[in-house]
């Protein structure tokens, strides 16, 4: 169980960002639209990435055109996001943020920047160190962790 609900009750849900409508939609594993999580938000400008806190209570959405990551309270059972707040922005080193990943222990949040590098934050939004630079400051589009907790970054 997670948060009082059986884990499998929402584990198969898929959240999808829509850059054109600045919205986030929730789908079932079978592809059925379950609802709108965030609808035409003025806080988002071409959202590109989603991150979910390990306990499924916080939703993070990268907003590429205004260089911010928004944080929402999230009810995983109902698929409702509320209480938007700016988690990080350009003052924290974001530049065209894309993918969002939590560290394996859930204490750090990594944000891939299409302008290059990976920004690191603590769960409270404070800096977790300088931006991780990639050779040639390559545009960083995606990330994942290996089974032995090494960060992999996709570039183009």
Protein backbone atom coordinates (compact mmCIF):
# COMPACT_ATOMS: atom_id res chain seq x y z
CA UNK A 1 0.00 0.00 0.00
CA UNK A 2 1.06 3.55 -0.63
CA UNK A 3 -0.62 6.56 0.93
CA UNK A 4 -3.51 4.40 2.18
CA UNK A 5 -4.35 3.10 -1.30
CA UNK A 6 -3.16 -0.12 -2.86
CA UNK A 7 -0.14 0.72 -5.02
CA UNK A 8 -1.56 -1.00 -8.08
CA UNK A 9 -4.68 1.20 -8.01
CA UNK A 10 -2.79 3.99 -9.80
CA UNK A 11 0.59 2.54 -10.72
CA UNK A 12 -0.45 1.99 -14.34
CA UNK A 13 -1.69 5.56 -14.91
CA UNK A 14 0.20 7.55 -17.50
CA UNK A 15 0.56 11.33 -17.29
CA UNK A 16 1.19 13.19 -20.55
CA UNK A 17 2.09 16.86 -21.06
CA UNK A 18 0.60 18.79 -23.97
CA UNK A 19 2.87 21.64 -25.08
CA UNK A 20 0.17 23.29 -27.19
CA UNK A 21 -2.49 23.56 -24.48
CA UNK A 22 -0.13 23.84 -21.46
CA UNK A 23 -2.01 20.95 -19.90
CA UNK A 24 -1.36 17.55 -18.35
CA UNK A 25 -3.64 14.59 -19.09
CA UNK A 26 -4.05 11.28 -17.28
CA UNK A 27 -4.53 8.01 -19.21
CA UNK A 28 -5.13 4.42 -18.16
CA UNK A 29 -2.70 1.65 -19.10
CA UNK A 30 -5.15 0.76 -21.90
CA UNK A 31 -4.95 4.30 -23.33
CA UNK A 32 -8.30 5.59 -22.09
CA UNK A 33 -8.35 9.26 -21.14
CA UNK A 34 -9.11 9.39 -17.40
CA UNK A 35 -9.13 13.16 -17.08
CA UNK A 36 -7.27 16.43 -17.12
CA UNK A 37 -4.75 16.85 -14.32
CA UNK A 38 -3.73 20.44 -15.19
CA UNK A 39 -5.83 22.44 -17.65
CA UNK A 40 -4.41 25.27 -19.77
CA UNK A 41 -2.24 26.55 -16.93
CA UNK A 42 -0.90 30.10 -17.07
CA UNK A 43 2.03 28.78 -14.99
CA UNK A 44 3.17 26.52 -17.84
CA UNK A 45 4.60 27.58 -21.18
CA UNK A 46 5.26 24.57 -23.39
CA UNK A 47 5.65 21.92 -20.69
CA UNK A 48 7.96 19.08 -21.66
CA UNK A 49 8.65 16.85 -18.66
CA UNK A 50 6.99 15.32 -15.63
CA UNK A 51 8.43 14.07 -12.37
CA UNK A 52 6.57 12.41 -9.53
CA UNK A 53 7.77 12.37 -5.94
CA UNK A 54 8.54 8.87 -4.66
CA UNK A 55 5.46 8.96 -2.40
CA UNK A 56 3.21 10.08 -5.32
CA UNK A 57 2.07 13.23 -3.46
CA UNK A 58 3.93 15.88 -5.50
CA UNK A 59 3.88 16.39 -9.26
CA UNK A 60 6.65 18.37 -10.97
CA UNK A 61 6.24 19.75 -14.51
CA UNK A 62 9.02 21.39 -16.50
CA UNK A 63 7.99 24.48 -18.43
CA UNK A 64 10.53 25.03 -21.18
CA UNK A 65 9.67 28.49 -22.46
CA UNK A 66 9.59 30.27 -19.09
CA UNK A 67 12.51 28.30 -17.58
CA UNK A 68 10.74 26.90 -14.56
CA UNK A 69 9.66 23.72 -12.88
CA UNK A 70 6.24 23.89 -11.28
CA UNK A 71 5.37 21.80 -8.23
CA UNK A 72 1.83 20.66 -7.45
CA UNK A 73 0.19 18.73 -4.65
CA UNK A 74 -1.04 15.55 -6.32
CA UNK A 75 -3.75 13.10 -5.37
CA UNK A 76 -2.71 9.94 -7.20
CA UNK A 77 -5.98 8.15 -6.51
CA UNK A 78 -8.11 10.88 -8.10
CA UNK A 79 -5.53 12.32 -10.51
CA UNK A 80 -6.04 15.88 -9.27
CA UNK A 81 -3.19 18.42 -9.05
CA UNK A 82 -3.61 21.51 -6.85
CA UNK A 83 -1.61 24.33 -5.24
CA UNK A 84 0.81 25.25 -8.04
CA UNK A 85 4.08 26.83 -6.97
CA UNK A 86 7.37 27.59 -8.70
CA UNK A 87 9.82 24.94 -7.51
CA UNK A 88 12.82 26.23 -9.51
CA UNK A 89 13.47 28.77 -12.25
CA UNK A 90 16.26 30.42 -14.23
CA UNK A 91 17.77 31.87 -11.04
CA UNK A 92 18.44 28.25 -10.03
CA UNK A 93 20.17 27.50 -13.33
CA UNK A 94 17.28 26.24 -15.44
CA UNK A 95 17.48 26.96 -19.15
CA UNK A 96 14.86 25.23 -21.30
CA UNK A 97 14.17 22.50 -18.72
CA UNK A 98 13.05 19.17 -20.11
CA UNK A 99 13.19 15.85 -18.26
CA UNK A 100 12.82 15.53 -14.46
CA UNK A 101 14.18 12.60 -12.41
CA UNK A 102 14.37 11.91 -8.70
CA UNK A 103 17.52 10.38 -7.26
CA UNK A 104 17.07 6.73 -6.26
CA UNK A 105 16.77 7.71 -2.58
CA UNK A 106 14.27 10.49 -3.43
CA UNK A 107 16.32 13.26 -1.82
CA UNK A 108 17.43 15.08 -4.99
CA UNK A 109 15.68 16.24 -8.13
CA UNK A 110 17.57 16.40 -11.42
CA UNK A 111 16.40 18.54 -14.34
CA UNK A 112 17.79 18.11 -17.86
CA UNK A 113 18.29 21.44 -19.65
CA UNK A 114 17.95 21.63 -23.41
CA UNK A 115 20.46 24.50 -23.30
CA UNK A 116 22.96 22.07 -21.76
CA UNK A 117 23.70 20.34 -18.50
CA UNK A 118 21.71 18.94 -15.61
CA UNK A 119 20.50 21.12 -12.73
CA UNK A 120 20.37 19.57 -9.25
CA UNK A 121 17.97 20.47 -6.45
CA UNK A 122 17.13 19.28 -2.97
CA UNK A 123 13.51 18.37 -2.30
CA UNK A 124 12.95 21.82 -0.73
CA UNK A 125 14.01 23.54 -3.99
CA UNK A 126 17.44 24.64 -2.79
CA UNK A 127 20.52 23.95 -4.88
CA UNK A 128 22.10 20.50 -4.54
CA UNK A 129 25.29 21.68 -6.23
CA UNK A 130 26.43 23.24 -9.47
CA UNK A 131 24.94 22.21 -12.79
CA UNK A 132 26.43 18.98 -14.12
CA UNK A 133 28.14 19.88 -17.37
CA UNK A 134 28.34 17.53 -20.29
CA UNK A 135 31.07 17.58 -22.95
CA UNK A 136 30.51 20.49 -25.30
CA UNK A 137 27.63 21.67 -23.11
CA UNK A 138 25.42 19.33 -25.16
CA UNK A 139 21.65 19.85 -25.02
CA UNK A 140 20.38 17.41 -22.39
CA UNK A 141 17.01 15.92 -23.21
CA UNK A 142 16.47 12.95 -20.92
CA UNK A 143 17.88 11.12 -17.90
CA UNK A 144 17.62 7.88 -15.99
CA UNK A 145 19.47 6.06 -13.24
CA UNK A 146 21.30 2.77 -13.68
CA UNK A 147 20.70 -0.08 -11.20
CA UNK A 148 23.89 0.99 -9.40
CA UNK A 149 22.59 4.61 -9.06
CA UNK A 150 24.64 6.29 -11.77
CA UNK A 151 22.93 9.09 -13.66
CA UNK A 152 22.66 8.64 -17.42
CA UNK A 153 21.90 11.69 -19.56
CA UNK A 154 20.59 11.66 -23.11
CA UNK A 155 21.85 14.40 -25.39
CA UNK A 156 21.43 15.47 -28.99
